[in-house]
Amino acid sequence: MPLILGLDPSLSCTGWGVIRAEGARLVHVANGQVPTDAKAPMAQRLAHLQAALAEVIAAHRPDRAAAEEVFVNKNAQSTLKLAQARGCVLAACGAAGLDVNEHAARLVKKAVVGTGAADKRQVQAMLAVLLPGVKIAGADAGDALAVAIADAHLG
């Protein structure tokens, strides 16, 4: 019954979600978001993100983690900022000794909804079906739960 931490890295707001996979049954454990202050210096934003995720990992003690793979934006600056945030996410997991599986966004959508072209609304609707009664902290937390669910299915 592995405990899986799903992560949706972003500099502005990283989502996280923890589920327990009990065979084919999935159980919601917790979810949340780590926003950073856009006016703060980059080093402080990254340090805040890494420290907050270290606290999440310490509190829930997942067996493994899964993160959405980086996609390349048309804007190089946005891609760079996403990559830096993703580095903090992976570093927090690495510092805790967690293995991290990486999944493409299309693969996550396909695992959760059944099609890689699903929109956010469809993913959110399936989260309600797969994790009955779940209260999702926000869109980024929902995306992170979807990553965790995909990882439970894909291993």
C-alpha atoms as a PDB file:
ATOM      1  CA  MET A   1       0.000   0.000   0.000  1.00  0.00           C
ATOM      2  CA  PRO A   2       2.370   2.702  -1.171  1.00  0.00           C
ATOM      3  CA  LEU A   3       1.928   6.310  -0.194  1.00  0.00           C
ATOM      4  CA  ILE A   4       2.538   8.458  -3.289  1.00  0.00           C
ATOM      5  CA  LEU A   5       3.339  12.177  -3.354  1.00  0.00           C
ATOM      6  CA  GLY A   6       2.253  13.817  -6.606  1.00  0.00           C
ATOM      7  CA  LEU A   7       3.840  17.135  -7.544  1.00  0.00           C
ATOM      8  CA  ASP A   8       2.914  19.840 -10.042  1.00  0.00           C
ATOM      9  CA  PRO A   9       5.983  22.107 -10.048  1.00  0.00           C
ATOM     10  CA  SER A  10       5.609  25.831 -10.663  1.00  0.00           C
ATOM     11  CA  LEU A  11       7.437  28.889  -9.396  1.00  0.00           C
ATOM     12  CA  SER A  12       4.223  30.805  -8.750  1.00  0.00           C
ATOM     13  CA  CYS A  13       2.367  27.951  -7.018  1.00  0.00           C
ATOM     14  CA  THR A  14       3.487  24.327  -6.727  1.00  0.00           C
ATOM     15  CA  GLY A  15       0.720  21.822  -6.113  1.00  0.00           C
ATOM     16  CA  TRP A  16       1.134  18.659  -4.054  1.00  0.00           C
ATOM     17  CA  GLY A  17      -1.125  15.718  -3.316  1.00  0.00           C
ATOM     18  CA  VAL A  18      -0.689  12.519  -1.325  1.00  0.00           C
ATOM     19  CA  ILE A  19      -2.639   9.347  -2.027  1.00  0.00           C
ATOM     20  CA  ARG A  20      -2.479   5.768  -0.796  1.00  0.00           C
ATOM     21  CA  ALA A  21      -2.769   3.044  -3.421  1.00  0.00           C
ATOM     22  CA  GLU A  22      -4.553   0.014  -1.962  1.00  0.00           C
ATOM     23  CA  GLY A  23      -4.561  -2.341  -4.938  1.00  0.00           C
ATOM     24  CA  ALA A  24      -6.893  -0.748  -7.476  1.00  0.00           C
ATOM     25  CA  ARG A  25      -8.428   1.455  -4.772  1.00  0.00           C
ATOM     26  CA  LEU A  26      -7.049   4.967  -4.255  1.00  0.00           C
ATOM     27  CA  VAL A  27      -7.418   6.857  -0.986  1.00  0.00           C
ATOM     28  CA  HIS A  28      -6.878  10.600  -0.610  1.00  0.00           C
ATOM     29  CA  VAL A  29      -4.518  11.492   2.225  1.00  0.00           C
ATOM     30  CA  ALA A  30      -3.811  15.211   1.807  1.00  0.00           C
ATOM     31  CA  ASN A  31      -3.259  17.962  -0.748  1.00  0.00           C
ATOM     32  CA  GLY A  32      -2.167  21.557  -0.844  1.00  0.00           C
ATOM     33  CA  GLN A  33      -0.343  24.303  -2.638  1.00  0.00           C
ATOM     34  CA  VAL A  34       2.906  26.177  -2.048  1.00  0.00           C
ATOM     35  CA  PRO A  35       2.663  29.702  -3.446  1.00  0.00           C
ATOM     36  CA  THR A  36       5.681  31.977  -3.640  1.00  0.00           C
ATOM     37  CA  ASP A  37       5.785  35.756  -3.456  1.00  0.00           C
ATOM     38  CA  ALA A  38       6.309  37.084  -6.989  1.00  0.00           C
ATOM     39  CA  LYS A  39       7.952  40.223  -5.539  1.00  0.00           C
ATOM     40  CA  ALA A  40      10.553  38.286  -3.535  1.00  0.00           C
ATOM     41  CA  PRO A  41      14.047  37.653  -4.903  1.00  0.00           C
ATOM     42  CA  MET A  42      14.390  34.399  -6.842  1.00  0.00           C
ATOM     43  CA  ALA A  43      16.680  32.774  -4.264  1.00  0.00           C
ATOM     44  CA  GLN A  44      14.121  33.391  -1.494  1.00  0.00           C
ATOM     45  CA  ARG A  45      11.260  32.030  -3.606  1.00  0.00           C
ATOM     46  CA  LEU A  46      13.197  28.861  -4.376  1.00  0.00           C
ATOM     47  CA  ALA A  47      14.295  28.408  -0.759  1.00  0.00           C
ATOM     48  CA  HIS A  48      10.694  28.821   0.416  1.00  0.00           C
ATOM     49  CA  LEU A  49       9.477  26.248  -2.097  1.00  0.00           C
ATOM     50  CA  GLN A  50      12.105  23.684  -1.132  1.00  0.00           C
ATOM     51  CA  ALA A  51      11.559  24.178   2.620  1.00  0.00           C
ATOM     52  CA  ALA A  52       7.764  23.934   2.304  1.00  0.00           C
ATOM     53  CA  LEU A  53       8.002  20.697   0.329  1.00  0.00           C
ATOM     54  CA  ALA A  54      10.488  19.291   2.841  1.00  0.00           C
ATOM     55  CA  GLU A  55       7.827  19.916   5.522  1.00  0.00           C
ATOM     56  CA  VAL A  56       5.157  18.153   3.433  1.00  0.00           C
ATOM     57  CA  ILE A  57       7.460  15.164   2.939  1.00  0.00           C
ATOM     58  CA  ALA A  58       8.346  15.034   6.652  1.00  0.00           C
ATOM     59  CA  ALA A  59       4.678  15.262   7.667  1.00  0.00           C
ATOM     60  CA  HIS A  60       3.356  12.552   5.325  1.00  0.00           C
ATOM     61  CA  ARG A  61       6.397  10.304   4.778  1.00  0.00           C
ATOM     62  CA  PRO A  62       5.526   9.119   1.256  1.00  0.00           C
ATOM     63  CA  ASP A  63       7.132   5.979  -0.173  1.00  0.00           C
ATOM     64  CA  ARG A  64       7.809   7.647  -3.509  1.00  0.00           C
ATOM     65  CA  ALA A  65       7.053  10.788  -5.474  1.00  0.00           C
ATOM     66  CA  ALA A  66       5.924  11.607  -8.984  1.00  0.00           C
ATOM     67  CA  ALA A  67       6.303  14.890 -10.822  1.00  0.00           C
ATOM     68  CA  GLU A  68       4.972  16.248 -14.053  1.00  0.00           C
ATOM     69  CA  GLU A  69       7.689  16.564 -16.687  1.00  0.00           C
ATOM     70  CA  VAL A  70       8.722  20.007 -17.855  1.00  0.00           C
ATOM     71  CA  PHE A  71       7.174  21.237 -21.055  1.00  0.00           C
ATOM     72  CA  VAL A  72       8.831  23.936 -23.100  1.00  0.00           C
ATOM     73  CA  ASN A  73       6.981  27.240 -23.304  1.00  0.00           C
ATOM     74  CA  LYS A  74       7.295  29.671 -26.174  1.00  0.00           C
ATOM     75  CA  ASN A  75       8.675  32.092 -23.591  1.00  0.00           C
ATOM     76  CA  ALA A  76      12.224  31.044 -22.639  1.00  0.00           C
ATOM     77  CA  GLN A  77      12.068  32.989 -19.338  1.00  0.00           C
ATOM     78  CA  SER A  78       8.947  31.083 -18.267  1.00  0.00           C
ATOM     79  CA  THR A  79      10.601  27.767 -19.140  1.00  0.00           C
ATOM     80  CA  LEU A  80      13.687  28.703 -17.124  1.00  0.00           C
ATOM     81  CA  LYS A  81      11.628  29.685 -14.064  1.00  0.00           C
ATOM     82  CA  LEU A  82       9.651  26.436 -14.277  1.00  0.00           C
ATOM     83  CA  ALA A  83      12.891  24.457 -14.530  1.00  0.00           C
ATOM     84  CA  GLN A  84      14.289  26.190 -11.438  1.00  0.00           C
ATOM     85  CA  ALA A  85      11.136  25.441  -9.449  1.00  0.00           C
ATOM     86  CA  ARG A  86      11.221  21.858 -10.660  1.00  0.00           C
ATOM     87  CA  GLY A  87      14.828  21.604  -9.497  1.00  0.00           C
ATOM     88  CA  CYS A  88      13.743  22.634  -5.990  1.00  0.00           C
ATOM     89  CA  VAL A  89      10.952  20.061  -6.029  1.00  0.00           C
ATOM     90  CA  LEU A  90      13.336  17.291  -7.099  1.00  0.00           C
ATOM     91  CA  ALA A  91      15.978  18.431  -4.588  1.00  0.00           C
ATOM     92  CA  ALA A  92      13.461  18.284  -1.722  1.00  0.00           C
ATOM     93  CA  CYS A  93      12.536  14.740  -2.763  1.00  0.00           C
ATOM     94  CA  GLY A  94      16.170  13.740  -3.211  1.00  0.00           C
ATOM     95  CA  ALA A  95      17.133  15.110   0.197  1.00  0.00           C
ATOM     96  CA  ALA A  96      14.421  12.891   1.716  1.00  0.00           C
ATOM     97  CA  GLY A  97      15.677   9.841  -0.184  1.00  0.00           C
ATOM     98  CA  LEU A  98      12.551   9.572  -2.339  1.00  0.00           C
ATOM     99  CA  ASP A  99      12.583   8.063  -5.793  1.00  0.00           C
ATOM    100  CA  VAL A 100      10.783  10.361  -8.237  1.00  0.00           C
ATOM    101  CA  ASN A 101       8.925   9.095 -11.292  1.00  0.00           C
ATOM    102  CA  GLU A 102       8.368  11.650 -14.035  1.00  0.00           C
ATOM    103  CA  HIS A 103       5.270  11.667 -16.244  1.00  0.00           C
ATOM    104  CA  ALA A 104       4.342  13.762 -19.259  1.00  0.00           C
ATOM    105  CA  ALA A 105       1.168  15.850 -18.886  1.00  0.00           C
ATOM    106  CA  ARG A 106      -0.555  13.961 -21.728  1.00  0.00           C
ATOM    107  CA  LEU A 107       0.210  10.640 -20.036  1.00  0.00           C
ATOM    108  CA  VAL A 108      -1.195  11.910 -16.723  1.00  0.00           C
ATOM    109  CA  LYS A 109      -4.417  13.004 -18.438  1.00  0.00           C
ATOM    110  CA  LYS A 110      -4.700   9.680 -20.244  1.00  0.00           C
ATOM    111  CA  ALA A 111      -4.181   7.713 -17.014  1.00  0.00           C
ATOM    112  CA  VAL A 112      -6.786   9.760 -15.118  1.00  0.00           C
ATOM    113  CA  VAL A 113      -9.398  10.574 -17.777  1.00  0.00           C
ATOM    114  CA  GLY A 114      -8.689   8.105 -20.570  1.00  0.00           C
ATOM    115  CA  THR A 115      -7.518  10.643 -23.140  1.00  0.00           C
ATOM    116  CA  GLY A 116      -4.333  12.691 -23.315  1.00  0.00           C
ATOM    117  CA  ALA A 117      -6.309  15.599 -24.756  1.00  0.00           C
ATOM    118  CA  ALA A 118      -8.500  16.021 -21.654  1.00  0.00           C
ATOM    119  CA  ASP A 119      -8.986  19.544 -20.347  1.00  0.00           C
ATOM    120  CA  LYS A 120      -8.629  20.674 -16.731  1.00  0.00           C
ATOM    121  CA  ARG A 121     -12.386  20.447 -16.157  1.00  0.00           C
ATOM    122  CA  GLN A 122     -12.422  16.780 -17.177  1.00  0.00           C
ATOM    123  CA  VAL A 123      -9.449  15.996 -14.940  1.00  0.00           C
ATOM    124  CA  GLN A 124     -11.122  17.729 -11.964  1.00  0.00           C
ATOM    125  CA  ALA A 125     -14.344  15.771 -12.590  1.00  0.00           C
ATOM    126  CA  MET A 126     -12.461  12.470 -12.590  1.00  0.00           C
ATOM    127  CA  LEU A 127     -10.678  13.387  -9.369  1.00  0.00           C
ATOM    128  CA  ALA A 128     -14.085  13.636  -7.705  1.00  0.00           C
ATOM    129  CA  VAL A 129     -14.938  10.141  -8.992  1.00  0.00           C
ATOM    130  CA  LEU A 130     -11.605   8.527  -8.122  1.00  0.00           C
ATOM    131  CA  LEU A 131     -11.255  10.232  -4.731  1.00  0.00           C
ATOM    132  CA  PRO A 132     -14.839  10.580  -3.419  1.00  0.00           C
ATOM    133  CA  GLY A 133     -15.387  13.466  -1.027  1.00  0.00           C
ATOM    134  CA  VAL A 134     -11.984  15.023  -1.669  1.00  0.00           C
ATOM    135  CA  LYS A 135     -11.658  18.746  -0.989  1.00  0.00           C
ATOM    136  CA  ILE A 136      -9.030  20.073  -3.380  1.00  0.00           C
ATOM    137  CA  ALA A 137      -6.977  23.060  -2.213  1.00  0.00           C
ATOM    138  CA  GLY A 138      -6.853  24.559  -5.718  1.00  0.00           C
ATOM    139  CA  ALA A 139      -6.130  23.831  -9.369  1.00  0.00           C
ATOM    140  CA  ASP A 140      -2.420  23.150  -8.772  1.00  0.00           C
ATOM    141  CA  ALA A 141      -3.211  20.709  -5.957  1.00  0.00           C
ATOM    142  CA  GLY A 142      -5.705  18.986  -8.261  1.00  0.00           C
ATOM    143  CA  ASP A 143      -3.039  18.627 -10.930  1.00  0.00           C
ATOM    144  CA  ALA A 144      -0.673  17.143  -8.343  1.00  0.00           C
ATOM    145  CA  LEU A 145      -3.292  14.599  -7.245  1.00  0.00           C
ATOM    146  CA  ALA A 146      -3.731  13.659 -10.906  1.00  0.00           C
ATOM    147  CA  VAL A 147       0.038  13.056 -11.153  1.00  0.00           C
ATOM    148  CA  ALA A 148      -0.096  10.833  -8.054  1.00  0.00           C
ATOM    149  CA  ILE A 149      -3.036   8.863  -9.473  1.00  0.00           C
ATOM    150  CA  ALA A 150      -1.263   8.429 -12.793  1.00  0.00           C
ATOM    151  CA  ASP A 151       1.812   7.188 -10.959  1.00  0.00           C
ATOM    152  CA  ALA A 152      -0.285   4.676  -9.009  1.00  0.00           C
ATOM    153  CA  HIS A 153      -1.594   3.323 -12.326  1.00  0.00           C
ATOM    154  CA  LEU A 154       1.694   3.514 -14.227  1.00  0.00           C
ATOM    155  CA  GLY A 155       4.139   2.712 -11.432  1.00  0.00           C
END
